[in-house]
């Protein structure tokens, strides 16, 4: 299981609020891993396993974007700014 999955599982398991979902950010380590995969995909190419990992990161990012958008609908108007 990748670091990003572990972070999101821990985040969900700990319980959260709409504002917590909106504020969630992956760790610098997870961001660096994704940036490295993207860079190597564009330059030297990725192994099938690395391609699958990058696809998983993309799915997680999409899921979190949807969750953040939905969470914003549950925030008081003052917290949206």
N, C-alpha and C. Protein backbone atom coordinates (compact mmCIF):
# COMPACT_ATOMS: atom_id res chain seq x y z
N UNK A 1 0.85 -1.17 0.00
CA UNK A 1 0.00 0.00 0.00
C UNK A 1 0.90 1.24 0.00
N UNK A 2 0.57 2.22 -0.83
CA UNK A 2 1.41 3.41 -0.95
C UNK A 2 1.20 4.35 0.22
N UNK A 3 2.15 5.25 0.37
CA UNK A 3 2.11 6.25 1.45
C UNK A 3 0.83 7.08 1.37
N UNK A 4 0.43 7.47 0.18
CA UNK A 4 -0.78 8.29 0.03
C UNK A 4 -2.01 7.54 0.53
N UNK A 5 -2.12 6.25 0.21
CA UNK A 5 -3.24 5.46 0.70
C UNK A 5 -3.23 5.42 2.22
N UNK A 6 -2.06 5.17 2.80
CA UNK A 6 -1.94 5.11 4.26
C UNK A 6 -2.40 6.43 4.89
N UNK A 7 -1.99 7.55 4.30
CA UNK A 7 -2.36 8.86 4.85
C UNK A 7 -3.86 9.07 4.80
N UNK A 8 -4.49 8.72 3.70
CA UNK A 8 -5.93 8.92 3.57
C UNK A 8 -6.68 7.97 4.49
N UNK A 9 -6.24 6.74 4.61
CA UNK A 9 -6.89 5.79 5.52
C UNK A 9 -6.79 6.29 6.95
N UNK A 10 -5.61 6.75 7.36
CA UNK A 10 -5.45 7.28 8.71
C UNK A 10 -6.33 8.50 8.93
N UNK A 11 -6.41 9.36 7.94
CA UNK A 11 -7.24 10.57 8.02
C UNK A 11 -8.70 10.20 8.21
N UNK A 12 -9.21 9.27 7.43
CA UNK A 12 -10.61 8.86 7.53
C UNK A 12 -10.85 8.14 8.85
N UNK A 13 -9.96 7.25 9.23
CA UNK A 13 -10.14 6.46 10.45
C UNK A 13 -10.14 7.33 11.70
N UNK A 14 -9.43 8.43 11.67
CA UNK A 14 -9.37 9.32 12.83
C UNK A 14 -10.65 10.14 12.99
N UNK A 15 -11.49 10.12 11.97
CA UNK A 15 -12.70 10.95 12.01
C UNK A 15 -12.35 12.37 11.62
N UNK A 16 -13.30 13.05 11.08
CA UNK A 16 -13.01 14.41 10.62
C UNK A 16 -14.29 15.21 10.53
N UNK A 17 -14.14 16.43 10.12
CA UNK A 17 -15.24 17.37 9.93
C UNK A 17 -15.16 17.90 8.50
N UNK A 18 -16.20 18.57 8.03
CA UNK A 18 -16.10 19.17 6.69
C UNK A 18 -14.88 20.10 6.56
N UNK A 19 -14.61 20.90 7.58
CA UNK A 19 -13.46 21.80 7.48
C UNK A 19 -12.15 21.01 7.48
N UNK A 20 -12.12 19.88 8.17
CA UNK A 20 -10.93 19.03 8.15
C UNK A 20 -10.69 18.43 6.78
N UNK A 21 -11.76 18.04 6.11
CA UNK A 21 -11.63 17.50 4.75
C UNK A 21 -11.09 18.57 3.81
N UNK A 22 -11.65 19.77 3.89
CA UNK A 22 -11.21 20.86 3.03
C UNK A 22 -9.74 21.19 3.28
N UNK A 23 -9.30 21.11 4.52
CA UNK A 23 -7.93 21.47 4.87
C UNK A 23 -6.91 20.36 4.61
N UNK A 24 -7.36 19.15 4.34
CA UNK A 24 -6.44 18.02 4.19
C UNK A 24 -5.44 18.26 3.06
N UNK A 25 -4.19 17.98 3.35
CA UNK A 25 -3.11 18.04 2.36
C UNK A 25 -2.25 16.80 2.53
N UNK A 26 -1.82 16.19 1.45
CA UNK A 26 -0.89 15.06 1.58
C UNK A 26 0.45 15.54 2.12
N UNK A 27 1.21 14.61 2.67
CA UNK A 27 2.52 14.95 3.21
C UNK A 27 3.47 15.37 2.09
N UNK A 28 4.53 16.05 2.49
CA UNK A 28 5.56 16.43 1.51
C UNK A 28 6.16 15.19 0.86
N UNK A 29 6.28 14.11 1.63
CA UNK A 29 6.82 12.86 1.10
C UNK A 29 5.93 12.31 -0.01
N UNK A 30 4.62 12.30 0.22
CA UNK A 30 3.69 11.79 -0.80
C UNK A 30 3.71 12.69 -2.03
N UNK A 31 3.74 14.01 -1.81
CA UNK A 31 3.80 14.95 -2.94
C UNK A 31 5.07 14.73 -3.77
N UNK A 32 6.19 14.52 -3.08
CA UNK A 32 7.46 14.31 -3.77
C UNK A 32 7.43 13.01 -4.59
N UNK A 33 6.82 11.97 -4.04
CA UNK A 33 6.73 10.70 -4.76
C UNK A 33 5.93 10.87 -6.04
N UNK A 34 4.80 11.57 -5.96
CA UNK A 34 3.97 11.80 -7.15
C UNK A 34 4.73 12.65 -8.16
N UNK A 35 5.37 13.71 -7.69
CA UNK A 35 6.13 14.58 -8.60
C UNK A 35 7.22 13.79 -9.31
N UNK A 36 7.89 12.90 -8.58
CA UNK A 36 8.94 12.08 -9.19
C UNK A 36 8.36 11.16 -10.25
N UNK A 37 7.25 10.52 -9.95
CA UNK A 37 6.62 9.62 -10.93
C UNK A 37 6.20 10.39 -12.18
N UNK A 38 5.61 11.56 -12.00
CA UNK A 38 5.18 12.37 -13.15
C UNK A 38 6.39 12.77 -13.99
N UNK A 39 7.45 13.21 -13.32
CA UNK A 39 8.66 13.62 -14.04
C UNK A 39 9.24 12.45 -14.84
N UNK A 40 9.35 11.31 -14.19
CA UNK A 40 9.92 10.15 -14.88
C UNK A 40 9.01 9.63 -15.98
N UNK A 41 7.69 9.77 -15.79
CA UNK A 41 6.76 9.37 -16.86
C UNK A 41 7.01 10.19 -18.12
N UNK A 42 7.29 11.48 -17.92
CA UNK A 42 7.50 12.38 -19.05
C UNK A 42 8.89 12.26 -19.67
N UNK A 43 9.85 11.74 -18.91
CA UNK A 43 11.23 11.70 -19.40
C UNK A 43 11.68 10.29 -19.76
N UNK A 44 11.88 9.46 -18.78
CA UNK A 44 12.46 8.13 -19.02
C UNK A 44 11.43 7.02 -19.09
N UNK A 45 10.21 7.29 -18.70
CA UNK A 45 9.18 6.26 -18.70
C UNK A 45 9.10 5.54 -17.36
N UNK A 46 8.00 4.83 -17.17
CA UNK A 46 7.74 4.12 -15.92
C UNK A 46 7.56 2.63 -16.18
N UNK A 47 7.85 1.86 -15.16
CA UNK A 47 7.56 0.42 -15.22
C UNK A 47 6.05 0.25 -15.10
N UNK A 48 5.52 -0.91 -15.43
CA UNK A 48 4.08 -1.13 -15.26
C UNK A 48 3.61 -0.91 -13.82
N UNK A 49 4.44 -1.30 -12.85
CA UNK A 49 4.08 -1.10 -11.45
C UNK A 49 4.03 0.38 -11.10
N UNK A 50 4.98 1.14 -11.61
CA UNK A 50 5.00 2.58 -11.34
C UNK A 50 3.83 3.28 -12.04
N UNK A 51 3.49 2.83 -13.23
CA UNK A 51 2.33 3.39 -13.93
C UNK A 51 1.07 3.13 -13.12
N UNK A 52 0.94 1.93 -12.59
CA UNK A 52 -0.22 1.60 -11.75
C UNK A 52 -0.25 2.48 -10.50
N UNK A 53 0.92 2.70 -9.90
CA UNK A 53 1.00 3.55 -8.71
C UNK A 53 0.56 4.97 -9.03
N UNK A 54 1.04 5.50 -10.16
CA UNK A 54 0.66 6.86 -10.56
C UNK A 54 -0.84 6.93 -10.83
N UNK A 55 -1.40 5.91 -11.45
CA UNK A 55 -2.85 5.87 -11.68
C UNK A 55 -3.61 5.86 -10.36
N UNK A 56 -3.11 5.14 -9.37
CA UNK A 56 -3.76 5.12 -8.05
C UNK A 56 -3.72 6.51 -7.42
N UNK A 57 -2.58 7.18 -7.52
CA UNK A 57 -2.49 8.54 -7.00
C UNK A 57 -3.52 9.45 -7.67
N UNK A 58 -3.68 9.30 -8.97
CA UNK A 58 -4.66 10.11 -9.70
C UNK A 58 -6.07 9.84 -9.21
N UNK A 59 -6.38 8.58 -8.95
CA UNK A 59 -7.71 8.23 -8.43
C UNK A 59 -7.92 8.81 -7.03
N UNK A 60 -6.89 8.74 -6.19
CA UNK A 60 -6.99 9.31 -4.85
C UNK A 60 -7.19 10.82 -4.91
N UNK A 61 -6.45 11.47 -5.81
CA UNK A 61 -6.59 12.92 -5.95
C UNK A 61 -8.02 13.27 -6.38
N UNK A 62 -8.55 12.52 -7.32
CA UNK A 62 -9.92 12.76 -7.79
C UNK A 62 -10.92 12.57 -6.65
N UNK A 63 -10.76 11.50 -5.89
CA UNK A 63 -11.63 11.24 -4.75
C UNK A 63 -11.58 12.38 -3.75
N UNK A 64 -10.38 12.85 -3.43
CA UNK A 64 -10.26 13.94 -2.45
C UNK A 64 -10.82 15.25 -3.00
N UNK A 65 -10.67 15.51 -4.28
CA UNK A 65 -11.27 16.72 -4.85
C UNK A 65 -12.79 16.68 -4.73
N UNK A 66 -13.37 15.52 -5.01
CA UNK A 66 -14.82 15.37 -4.87
C UNK A 66 -15.25 15.52 -3.41
N UNK A 67 -14.51 14.91 -2.50
CA UNK A 67 -14.83 15.00 -1.08
C UNK A 67 -14.72 16.45 -0.59
N UNK A 68 -13.70 17.16 -1.03
CA UNK A 68 -13.54 18.56 -0.63
C UNK A 68 -14.68 19.42 -1.18
N UNK A 69 -15.06 19.18 -2.42
CA UNK A 69 -16.17 19.95 -3.00
C UNK A 69 -17.46 19.69 -2.22
N UNK A 70 -17.71 18.44 -1.89
CA UNK A 70 -18.92 18.10 -1.13
C UNK A 70 -18.84 18.68 0.29
N UNK A 71 -17.67 18.61 0.91
CA UNK A 71 -17.51 19.13 2.27
C UNK A 71 -17.76 20.63 2.31
N UNK A 72 -17.36 21.34 1.26
CA UNK A 72 -17.58 22.79 1.23
C UNK A 72 -19.07 23.14 1.29
N UNK A 73 -19.92 22.26 0.80
CA UNK A 73 -21.37 22.54 0.85
C UNK A 73 -21.90 22.43 2.27
N UNK A 74 -21.13 21.83 3.18
CA UNK A 74 -21.55 21.68 4.57
C UNK A 74 -20.92 22.72 5.49
N UNK A 75 -20.12 23.61 4.94
CA UNK A 75 -19.48 24.64 5.75
C UNK A 75 -20.36 25.89 5.80
N UNK A 76 -20.35 26.57 6.94
CA UNK A 76 -21.02 27.87 6.98
C UNK A 76 -20.38 28.81 5.96
N UNK A 77 -21.15 29.71 5.41
CA UNK A 77 -20.67 30.61 4.35
C UNK A 77 -19.39 31.35 4.75
N UNK A 78 -19.26 31.74 6.02
CA UNK A 78 -18.10 32.50 6.47
C UNK A 78 -16.80 31.69 6.35
N UNK A 79 -16.88 30.37 6.43
CA UNK A 79 -15.68 29.54 6.38
C UNK A 79 -15.22 29.26 4.96
N UNK A 80 -15.97 29.66 3.98
CA UNK A 80 -15.60 29.38 2.59
C UNK A 80 -14.53 30.33 2.08
N UNK A 81 -14.22 31.36 2.80
CA UNK A 81 -13.25 32.35 2.31
C UNK A 81 -11.97 32.28 3.07
